[in-house]
PDB file of all heavy atoms in Angstrom:
ATOM      1  N   PRO A   1     153.825  55.884 115.088  1.00  0.00           N
ATOM      2  CA  PRO A   1     152.797  56.415 114.182  1.00  0.00           C
ATOM      3  C   PRO A   1     153.429  57.103 112.962  1.00  0.00           C
ATOM      4  O   PRO A   1     154.467  57.801 113.074  1.00  0.00           O
ATOM      5  CB  PRO A   1     152.052  57.417 115.019  1.00  0.00           C
ATOM      6  CG  PRO A   1     152.309  56.999 116.461  1.00  0.00           C
ATOM      7  CD  PRO A   1     153.702  56.421 116.429  1.00  0.00           C
ATOM      8  N   THR A   2     152.820  56.918 111.815  1.00  0.00           N
ATOM      9  CA  THR A   2     153.270  57.557 110.578  1.00  0.00           C
ATOM     10  C   THR A   2     152.111  58.271 109.876  1.00  0.00           C
ATOM     11  O   THR A   2     151.076  57.665 109.678  1.00  0.00           O
ATOM     12  CB  THR A   2     153.780  56.461 109.591  1.00  0.00           C
ATOM     13  OG1 THR A   2     154.815  55.726 110.246  1.00  0.00           O
ATOM     14  CG2 THR A   2     154.321  57.066 108.319  1.00  0.00           C
ATOM     15  N   VAL A   3     152.301  59.570 109.625  1.00  0.00           N
ATOM     16  CA  VAL A   3     151.281  60.334 108.875  1.00  0.00           C
ATOM     17  C   VAL A   3     151.386  59.880 107.424  1.00  0.00           C
ATOM     18  O   VAL A   3     152.446  60.022 106.781  1.00  0.00           O
ATOM     19  CB  VAL A   3     151.455  61.834 109.008  1.00  0.00           C
ATOM     20  CG1 VAL A   3     150.460  62.568 108.144  1.00  0.00           C
ATOM     21  CG2 VAL A   3     151.360  62.275 110.471  1.00  0.00           C
ATOM     22  N   LEU A   4     150.276  59.331 106.888  1.00  0.00           N
ATOM     23  CA  LEU A   4     150.227  58.845 105.522  1.00  0.00           C
ATOM     24  C   LEU A   4     149.751  59.906 104.554  1.00  0.00           C
ATOM     25  O   LEU A   4     150.138  59.932 103.403  1.00  0.00           O
ATOM     26  CB  LEU A   4     149.386  57.584 105.428  1.00  0.00           C
ATOM     27  CG  LEU A   4     149.770  56.447 106.302  1.00  0.00           C
ATOM     28  CD1 LEU A   4     148.736  55.320 106.184  1.00  0.00           C
ATOM     29  CD2 LEU A   4     151.140  55.945 105.952  1.00  0.00           C
ATOM     30  N   LYS A   5     148.885  60.796 105.071  1.00  0.00           N
ATOM     31  CA  LYS A   5     148.335  61.842 104.200  1.00  0.00           C
ATOM     32  C   LYS A   5     147.835  62.962 105.085  1.00  0.00           C
ATOM     33  O   LYS A   5     147.226  62.758 106.138  1.00  0.00           O
ATOM     34  CB  LYS A   5     147.185  61.260 103.361  1.00  0.00           C
ATOM     35  CG  LYS A   5     146.743  62.154 102.240  1.00  0.00           C
ATOM     36  CD  LYS A   5     145.819  61.368 101.255  1.00  0.00           C
ATOM     37  CE  LYS A   5     145.575  62.236 100.023  1.00  0.00           C
ATOM     38  NZ  LYS A   5     144.825  61.474  99.029  1.00  0.00           N
ATOM     39  N   SER A   6     148.103  64.196 104.661  1.00  0.00           N
ATOM     40  CA  SER A   6     147.640  65.380 105.356  1.00  0.00           C
ATOM     41  C   SER A   6     146.726  66.153 104.429  1.00  0.00           C
ATOM     42  O   SER A   6     147.131  66.397 103.236  1.00  0.00           O
ATOM     43  CB  SER A   6     148.783  66.301 105.776  1.00  0.00           C
ATOM     44  OG  SER A   6     149.549  65.632 106.804  1.00  0.00           O
ATOM     45  N   LEU A   7     145.568  66.545 104.913  1.00  0.00           N
ATOM     46  CA  LEU A   7     144.577  67.233 104.101  1.00  0.00           C
ATOM     47  C   LEU A   7     143.968  68.426 104.827  1.00  0.00           C
ATOM     48  O   LEU A   7     144.242  68.616 106.068  1.00  0.00           O
ATOM     49  CB  LEU A   7     143.427  66.236 103.791  1.00  0.00           C
ATOM     50  CG  LEU A   7     143.820  64.913 103.182  1.00  0.00           C
ATOM     51  CD1 LEU A   7     142.880  63.814 103.661  1.00  0.00           C
ATOM     52  CD2 LEU A   7     143.875  65.014 101.712  1.00  0.00           C
ATOM     53  N   THR A   8     143.194  69.186 104.197  1.00  0.00           N
ATOM     54  CA  THR A   8     142.465  70.299 104.827  1.00  0.00           C
ATOM     55  C   THR A   8     141.006  70.204 104.341  1.00  0.00           C
ATOM     56  O   THR A   8     140.705  70.042 103.175  1.00  0.00           O
ATOM     57  CB  THR A   8     143.023  71.676 104.379  1.00  0.00           C
ATOM     58  OG1 THR A   8     144.400  71.693 104.792  1.00  0.00           O
ATOM     59  CG2 THR A   8     142.294  72.827 105.049  1.00  0.00           C
ATOM     60  N   PHE A   9     140.079  70.294 105.307  1.00  0.00           N
ATOM     61  CA  PHE A   9     138.648  70.255 105.016  1.00  0.00           C
ATOM     62  C   PHE A   9     138.042  71.473 105.695  1.00  0.00           C
ATOM     63  O   PHE A   9     137.992  71.560 106.961  1.00  0.00           O
ATOM     64  CB  PHE A   9     138.020  68.973 105.531  1.00  0.00           C
ATOM     65  CG  PHE A   9     136.593  68.813 105.106  1.00  0.00           C
ATOM     66  CD1 PHE A   9     136.291  68.017 104.031  1.00  0.00           C
ATOM     67  CD2 PHE A   9     135.545  69.408 105.804  1.00  0.00           C
ATOM     68  CE1 PHE A   9     134.937  67.836 103.645  1.00  0.00           C
ATOM     69  CE2 PHE A   9     134.226  69.229 105.418  1.00  0.00           C
ATOM     70  CZ  PHE A   9     133.926  68.474 104.342  1.00  0.00           C
ATOM     71  N   ASN A  10     137.552  72.433 104.898  1.00  0.00           N
ATOM     72  CA  ASN A  10     136.917  73.662 105.403  1.00  0.00           C
ATOM     73  C   ASN A  10     137.734  74.280 106.561  1.00  0.00           C
ATOM     74  O   ASN A  10     137.182  74.586 107.619  1.00  0.00           O
ATOM     75  CB  ASN A  10     135.503  73.354 105.820  1.00  0.00           C
ATOM     76  CG  ASN A  10     134.630  73.105 104.673  1.00  0.00           C
ATOM     77  OD1 ASN A  10     134.925  73.397 103.518  1.00  0.00           O
ATOM     78  ND2 ASN A  10     133.471  72.493 104.910  1.00  0.00           N
ATOM     79  N   GLY A  11     139.033  74.359 106.404  1.00  0.00           N
ATOM     80  CA  GLY A  11     139.885  74.994 107.403  1.00  0.00           C
ATOM     81  C   GLY A  11     140.370  74.106 108.539  1.00  0.00           C
ATOM     82  O   GLY A  11     141.108  74.546 109.369  1.00  0.00           O
ATOM     83  N   HIS A  12     139.959  72.844 108.551  1.00  0.00           N
ATOM     84  CA  HIS A  12     140.381  71.930 109.598  1.00  0.00           C
ATOM     85  C   HIS A  12     141.479  71.009 109.017  1.00  0.00           C
ATOM     86  O   HIS A  12     141.332  70.482 107.900  1.00  0.00           O
ATOM     87  CB  HIS A  12     139.224  71.036 110.018  1.00  0.00           C
ATOM     88  CG  HIS A  12     138.100  71.787 110.662  1.00  0.00           C
ATOM     89  ND1 HIS A  12     138.145  72.240 111.955  1.00  0.00           N
ATOM     90  CD2 HIS A  12     136.925  72.242 110.174  1.00  0.00           C
ATOM     91  CE1 HIS A  12     137.041  72.888 112.222  1.00  0.00           C
ATOM     92  NE2 HIS A  12     136.284  72.900 111.163  1.00  0.00           N
ATOM     93  N   SER A  13     142.554  70.839 109.767  1.00  0.00           N
ATOM     94  CA  SER A  13     143.625  69.911 109.344  1.00  0.00           C
ATOM     95  C   SER A  13     143.168  68.503 109.638  1.00  0.00           C
ATOM     96  O   SER A  13     142.599  68.209 110.690  1.00  0.00           O
ATOM     97  CB  SER A  13     144.927  70.229 110.023  1.00  0.00           C
ATOM     98  OG  SER A  13     144.881  69.912 111.381  1.00  0.00           O
ATOM     99  N   VAL A  14     143.351  67.633 108.696  1.00  0.00           N
ATOM    100  CA  VAL A  14     142.998  66.239 108.748  1.00  0.00           C
ATOM    101  C   VAL A  14     144.191  65.385 108.379  1.00  0.00           C
ATOM    102  O   VAL A  14     144.738  65.513 107.298  1.00  0.00           O
ATOM    103  CB  VAL A  14     141.793  65.864 107.851  1.00  0.00           C
ATOM    104  CG1 VAL A  14     141.447  64.435 107.920  1.00  0.00           C
ATOM    105  CG2 VAL A  14     140.595  66.766 108.136  1.00  0.00           C
ATOM    106  N   ASP A  15     144.661  64.586 109.322  1.00  0.00           N
ATOM    107  CA  ASP A  15     145.764  63.616 109.085  1.00  0.00           C
ATOM    108  C   ASP A  15     145.295  62.207 109.129  1.00  0.00           C
ATOM    109  O   ASP A  15     144.497  61.838 110.018  1.00  0.00           O
ATOM    110  CB  ASP A  15     146.878  63.838 110.123  1.00  0.00           C
ATOM    111  CG  ASP A  15     147.536  65.187 110.011  1.00  0.00           C
ATOM    112  OD1 ASP A  15     147.799  65.651 108.894  1.00  0.00           O
ATOM    113  OD2 ASP A  15     147.868  65.755 111.064  1.00  0.00           O
ATOM    114  N   ILE A  16     145.697  61.441 108.159  1.00  0.00           N
ATOM    115  CA  ILE A  16     145.432  59.984 108.146  1.00  0.00           C
ATOM    116  C   ILE A  16     146.695  59.320 108.574  1.00  0.00           C
ATOM    117  O   ILE A  16     147.796  59.510 107.965  1.00  0.00           O
ATOM    118  CB  ILE A  16     144.985  59.544 106.763  1.00  0.00           C
ATOM    119  CG1 ILE A  16     143.699  60.278 106.347  1.00  0.00           C
ATOM    120  CG2 ILE A  16     144.811  58.028 106.691  1.00  0.00           C
ATOM    121  CD1 ILE A  16     143.287  60.103 104.906  1.00  0.00           C
ATOM    122  N   ILE A  17     146.638  58.510 109.620  1.00  0.00           N
ATOM    123  CA  ILE A  17     147.798  58.008 110.308  1.00  0.00           C
ATOM    124  C   ILE A  17     147.736  56.470 110.443  1.00  0.00           C
ATOM    125  O   ILE A  17     146.648  55.901 110.666  1.00  0.00           O
ATOM    126  CB  ILE A  17     147.866  58.604 111.719  1.00  0.00           C
ATOM    127  CG1 ILE A  17     147.994  60.115 111.606  1.00  0.00           C
ATOM    128  CG2 ILE A  17     148.990  58.010 112.538  1.00  0.00           C
ATOM    129  CD1 ILE A  17     147.878  60.889 112.868  1.00  0.00           C
ATOM    130  N   ARG A  18     148.878  55.839 110.288  1.00  0.00           N
ATOM    131  CA  ARG A  18     149.002  54.391 110.580  1.00  0.00           C
ATOM    132  C   ARG A  18     149.789  54.317 111.885  1.00  0.00           C
ATOM    133  O   ARG A  18     150.913  54.810 111.961  1.00  0.00           O
ATOM    134  CB  ARG A  18     149.722  53.674 109.523  1.00  0.00           C
ATOM    135  CG  ARG A  18     149.996  52.252 109.919  1.00  0.00           C
ATOM    136  CD  ARG A  18     150.735  51.486 108.878  1.00  0.00           C
ATOM    137  NE  ARG A  18     149.770  50.608 108.242  1.00  0.00           N
ATOM    138  CZ  ARG A  18     149.962  49.923 107.136  1.00  0.00           C
ATOM    139  NH1 ARG A  18     151.161  49.997 106.542  1.00  0.00           N
ATOM    140  NH2 ARG A  18     149.049  49.141 106.652  1.00  0.00           N
ATOM    141  N   LYS A  19     149.150  53.745 112.936  1.00  0.00           N
ATOM    142  CA  LYS A  19     149.806  53.581 114.209  1.00  0.00           C
ATOM    143  C   LYS A  19     150.391  52.187 114.328  1.00  0.00           C
ATOM    144  O   LYS A  19     151.493  52.014 114.807  1.00  0.00           O
ATOM    145  CB  LYS A  19     148.849  53.853 115.361  1.00  0.00           C
ATOM    146  CG  LYS A  19     148.402  55.285 115.438  1.00  0.00           C
ATOM    147  CD  LYS A  19     147.521  55.544 116.621  1.00  0.00           C
ATOM    148  CE  LYS A  19     147.113  57.007 116.676  1.00  0.00           C
ATOM    149  NZ  LYS A  19     146.262  57.291 117.859  1.00  0.00           N
ATOM    150  N   SER A  20     149.648  51.160 114.004  1.00  0.00           N
ATOM    151  CA  SER A  20     150.112  49.796 114.040  1.00  0.00           C
ATOM    152  C   SER A  20     149.067  48.980 113.272  1.00  0.00           C
ATOM    153  O   SER A  20     147.979  49.437 112.920  1.00  0.00           O
ATOM    154  CB  SER A  20     150.251  49.326 115.461  1.00  0.00           C
ATOM    155  OG  SER A  20     148.947  49.242 116.088  1.00  0.00           O
ATOM    156  N   GLY A  21     149.385  47.780 113.038  1.00  0.00           N
ATOM    157  CA  GLY A  21     148.449  46.867 112.331  1.00  0.00           C
ATOM    158  C   GLY A  21     148.394  47.207 110.872  1.00  0.00           C
ATOM    159  O   GLY A  21     148.966  48.125 110.351  1.00  0.00           O
ATOM    160  N   HIS A  22     147.601  46.407 110.155  1.00  0.00           N
ATOM    161  CA  HIS A  22     147.512  46.499 108.699  1.00  0.00           C
ATOM    162  C   HIS A  22     146.188  47.136 108.234  1.00  0.00           C
ATOM    163  O   HIS A  22     146.194  47.862 107.251  1.00  0.00           O
ATOM    164  CB  HIS A  22     147.679  45.101 108.076  1.00  0.00           C
ATOM    165  CG  HIS A  22     147.461  45.070 106.625  1.00  0.00           C
ATOM    166  ND1 HIS A  22     148.420  45.555 105.763  1.00  0.00           N
ATOM    167  CD2 HIS A  22     146.486  44.606 105.877  1.00  0.00           C
ATOM    168  CE1 HIS A  22     147.971  45.428 104.501  1.00  0.00           C
ATOM    169  NE2 HIS A  22     146.789  44.852 104.547  1.00  0.00           N
ATOM    170  N   ASP A  23     145.122  46.832 108.916  1.00  0.00           N
ATOM    171  CA  ASP A  23     143.786  47.182 108.355  1.00  0.00           C
ATOM    172  C   ASP A  23     143.102  48.366 109.036  1.00  0.00           C
ATOM    173  O   ASP A  23     142.021  48.740 108.679  1.00  0.00           O
ATOM    174  CB  ASP A  23     142.902  45.961 108.497  1.00  0.00           C
ATOM    175  CG  ASP A  23     142.186  45.685 107.195  1.00  0.00           C
ATOM    176  OD1 ASP A  23     142.688  46.103 106.140  1.00  0.00           O
ATOM    177  OD2 ASP A  23     141.087  45.096 107.242  1.00  0.00           O
ATOM    178  N   THR A  24     143.756  48.955 110.072  1.00  0.00           N
ATOM    179  CA  THR A  24     143.129  50.123 110.752  1.00  0.00           C
ATOM    180  C   THR A  24     143.996  51.314 110.583  1.00  0.00           C
ATOM    181  O   THR A  24     145.249  51.280 110.818  1.00  0.00           O
ATOM    182  CB  THR A  24     142.960  49.802 112.230  1.00  0.00           C
ATOM    183  OG1 THR A  24     142.096  48.667 112.346  1.00  0.00           O
ATOM    184  CG2 THR A  24     142.282  50.982 112.932  1.00  0.00           C
ATOM    185  N   LEU A  25     143.433  52.412 110.147  1.00  0.00           N
ATOM    186  CA  LEU A  25     144.086  53.712 110.055  1.00  0.00           C
ATOM    187  C   LEU A  25     143.397  54.605 111.046  1.00  0.00           C
ATOM    188  O   LEU A  25     142.227  54.380 111.424  1.00  0.00           O
ATOM    189  CB  LEU A  25     144.027  54.285 108.659  1.00  0.00           C
ATOM    190  CG  LEU A  25     144.688  53.439 107.547  1.00  0.00           C
ATOM    191  CD1 LEU A  25     144.494  54.115 106.202  1.00  0.00           C
ATOM    192  CD2 LEU A  25     146.127  53.229 107.854  1.00  0.00           C
ATOM    193  N   TRP A  26     144.044  55.692 111.450  1.00  0.00           N
ATOM    194  CA  TRP A  26     143.471  56.632 112.389  1.00  0.00           C
ATOM    195  C   TRP A  26     143.399  57.996 111.753  1.00  0.00           C
ATOM    196  O   TRP A  26     144.202  58.399 110.920  1.00  0.00           O
ATOM    197  CB  TRP A  26     144.391  56.691 113.622  1.00  0.00           C
ATOM    198  CG  TRP A  26     144.469  55.362 114.325  1.00  0.00           C
ATOM    199  CD1 TRP A  26     145.356  54.388 114.067  1.00  0.00           C
ATOM    200  CD2 TRP A  26     143.528  54.846 115.271  1.00  0.00           C
ATOM    201  NE1 TRP A  26     145.047  53.251 114.806  1.00  0.00           N
ATOM    202  CE2 TRP A  26     143.964  53.513 115.575  1.00  0.00           C
ATOM    203  CE3 TRP A  26     142.413  55.327 115.908  1.00  0.00           C
ATOM    204  CZ2 TRP A  26     143.274  52.727 116.459  1.00  0.00           C
ATOM    205  CZ3 TRP A  26     141.747  54.537 116.840  1.00  0.00           C
ATOM    206  CH2 TRP A  26     142.185  53.270 117.092  1.00  0.00           C
ATOM    207  N   VAL A  27     142.384  58.786 112.185  1.00  0.00           N
ATOM    208  CA  VAL A  27     142.169  60.105 111.687  1.00  0.00           C
ATOM    209  C   VAL A  27     142.355  61.114 112.802  1.00  0.00           C
ATOM    210  O   VAL A  27     141.744  60.933 113.907  1.00  0.00           O
ATOM    211  CB  VAL A  27     140.737  60.263 111.121  1.00  0.00           C
ATOM    212  CG1 VAL A  27     140.517  61.690 110.636  1.00  0.00           C
ATOM    213  CG2 VAL A  27     140.536  59.306 109.950  1.00  0.00           C
ATOM    214  N   GLU A  28     143.234  62.080 112.594  1.00  0.00           N
ATOM    215  CA  GLU A  28     143.337  63.198 113.545  1.00  0.00           C
ATOM    216  C   GLU A  28     142.791  64.416 112.847  1.00  0.00           C
ATOM    217  O   GLU A  28     143.093  64.712 111.714  1.00  0.00           O
ATOM    218  CB  GLU A  28     144.786  63.410 113.927  1.00  0.00           C
ATOM    219  CG  GLU A  28     145.322  62.375 114.872  1.00  0.00           C
ATOM    220  CD  GLU A  28     146.668  62.733 115.418  1.00  0.00           C
ATOM    221  OE1 GLU A  28     147.255  63.757 115.093  1.00  0.00           O
ATOM    222  OE2 GLU A  28     147.219  61.921 116.217  1.00  0.00           O
ATOM    223  N   ILE A  29     141.945  65.126 113.605  1.00  0.00           N
ATOM    224  CA  ILE A  29     141.383  66.417 113.141  1.00  0.00           C
ATOM    225  C   ILE A  29     141.911  67.501 114.060  1.00  0.00           C
ATOM    226  O   ILE A  29     141.708  67.424 115.283  1.00  0.00           O
ATOM    227  CB  ILE A  29     139.816  66.374 113.125  1.00  0.00           C
ATOM    228  CG1 ILE A  29     139.376  65.315 112.078  1.00  0.00           C
ATOM    229  CG2 ILE A  29     139.311  67.769 112.631  1.00  0.00           C
ATOM    230  CD1 ILE A  29     137.854  65.131 112.024  1.00  0.00           C
ATOM    231  N   ASN A  30     142.614  68.451 113.531  1.00  0.00           N
ATOM    232  CA  ASN A  30     143.242  69.510 114.289  1.00  0.00           C
ATOM    233  C   ASN A  30     144.054  68.971 115.454  1.00  0.00           C
ATOM    234  O   ASN A  30     144.068  69.461 116.552  1.00  0.00           O
ATOM    235  CB  ASN A  30     142.166  70.465 114.825  1.00  0.00           C
ATOM    236  CG  ASN A  30     141.386  71.143 113.728  1.00  0.00           C
ATOM    237  OD1 ASN A  30     141.956  71.410 112.622  1.00  0.00           O
ATOM    238  ND2 ASN A  30     140.139  71.467 113.937  1.00  0.00           N
ATOM    239  N   GLY A  31     144.801  67.856 115.149  1.00  0.00           N
ATOM    240  CA  GLY A  31     145.723  67.312 116.105  1.00  0.00           C
ATOM    241  C   GLY A  31     145.151  66.397 117.160  1.00  0.00           C
ATOM    242  O   GLY A  31     145.886  65.908 118.006  1.00  0.00           O
ATOM    243  N   ARG A  32     143.850  66.095 117.087  1.00  0.00           N
ATOM    244  CA  ARG A  32     143.222  65.233 118.082  1.00  0.00           C
ATOM    245  C   ARG A  32     142.649  64.002 117.396  1.00  0.00           C
ATOM    246  O   ARG A  32     142.025  64.082 116.340  1.00  0.00           O
ATOM    247  CB  ARG A  32     142.103  65.990 118.761  1.00  0.00           C
ATOM    248  CG  ARG A  32     142.618  67.174 119.657  1.00  0.00           C
ATOM    249  CD  ARG A  32     141.509  67.905 120.390  1.00  0.00           C
ATOM    250  NE  ARG A  32     140.678  66.977 121.182  1.00  0.00           N
ATOM    251  CZ  ARG A  32     139.355  67.169 121.279  1.00  0.00           C
ATOM    252  NH1 ARG A  32     138.742  68.176 120.700  1.00  0.00           N
ATOM    253  NH2 ARG A  32     138.638  66.348 122.006  1.00  0.00           N
ATOM    254  N   THR A  33     142.868  62.836 117.967  1.00  0.00           N
ATOM    255  CA  THR A  33     142.344  61.594 117.396  1.00  0.00           C
ATOM    256  C   THR A  33     140.840  61.618 117.392  1.00  0.00           C
ATOM    257  O   THR A  33     140.212  61.763 118.381  1.00  0.00           O
ATOM    258  CB  THR A  33     142.841  60.359 118.167  1.00  0.00           C
ATOM    259  OG1 THR A  33     144.276  60.362 118.228  1.00  0.00           O
ATOM    260  CG2 THR A  33     142.361  59.071 117.538  1.00  0.00           C
ATOM    261  N   ALA A  34     140.293  61.536 116.175  1.00  0.00           N
ATOM    262  CA  ALA A  34     138.864  61.683 115.953  1.00  0.00           C
ATOM    263  C   ALA A  34     138.129  60.417 115.557  1.00  0.00           C
ATOM    264  O   ALA A  34     136.952  60.253 115.855  1.00  0.00           O
ATOM    265  CB  ALA A  34     138.589  62.776 114.891  1.00  0.00           C
ATOM    266  N   ALA A  35     138.862  59.538 114.874  1.00  0.00           N
ATOM    267  CA  ALA A  35     138.173  58.321 114.361  1.00  0.00           C
ATOM    268  C   ALA A  35     139.163  57.210 113.996  1.00  0.00           C
ATOM    269  O   ALA A  35     140.346  57.507 113.792  1.00  0.00           O
ATOM    270  CB  ALA A  35     137.353  58.702 113.125  1.00  0.00           C
ATOM    271  N   ALA A  36     138.634  56.040 113.899  1.00  0.00           N
ATOM    272  CA  ALA A  36     139.377  54.873 113.376  1.00  0.00           C
ATOM    273  C   ALA A  36     138.737  54.540 112.023  1.00  0.00           C
ATOM    274  O   ALA A  36     137.530  54.585 111.862  1.00  0.00           O
ATOM    275  CB  ALA A  36     139.313  53.709 114.298  1.00  0.00           C
ATOM    276  N   ILE A  37     139.564  54.162 111.061  1.00  0.00           N
ATOM    277  CA  ILE A  37     139.078  53.695 109.774  1.00  0.00           C
ATOM    278  C   ILE A  37     139.389  52.215 109.699  1.00  0.00           C
ATOM    279  O   ILE A  37     140.529  51.803 109.845  1.00  0.00           O
ATOM    280  CB  ILE A  37     139.829  54.404 108.613  1.00  0.00           C
ATOM    281  CG1 ILE A  37     139.724  55.924 108.684  1.00  0.00           C
ATOM    282  CG2 ILE A  37     139.390  53.845 107.233  1.00  0.00           C
ATOM    283  CD1 ILE A  37     138.386  56.470 108.292  1.00  0.00           C
ATOM    284  N   HIS A  38     138.354  51.422 109.520  1.00  0.00           N
ATOM    285  CA  HIS A  38     138.501  49.974 109.346  1.00  0.00           C
ATOM    286  C   HIS A  38     138.444  49.687 107.822  1.00  0.00           C
ATOM    287  O   HIS A  38     137.374  49.701 107.233  1.00  0.00           O
ATOM    288  CB  HIS A  38     137.422  49.285 110.089  1.00  0.00           C
ATOM    289  CG  HIS A  38     137.400  49.597 111.546  1.00  0.00           C
ATOM    290  ND1 HIS A  38     138.345  49.148 112.452  1.00  0.00           N
ATOM    291  CD2 HIS A  38     136.586  50.406 112.272  1.00  0.00           C
ATOM    292  CE1 HIS A  38     138.121  49.655 113.618  1.00  0.00           C
ATOM    293  NE2 HIS A  38     137.040  50.405 113.551  1.00  0.00           N
TER     294      HIS A  38
END
């Protein structure tokens, strides 16, 4: 996994991560996997 971008939203850390593949990214909020981005 590679963190592509780290952000903050109203005090919550949000990381956009590439784990594998080309078209799906993953979102971690406060260190927990929260969503997939297609």
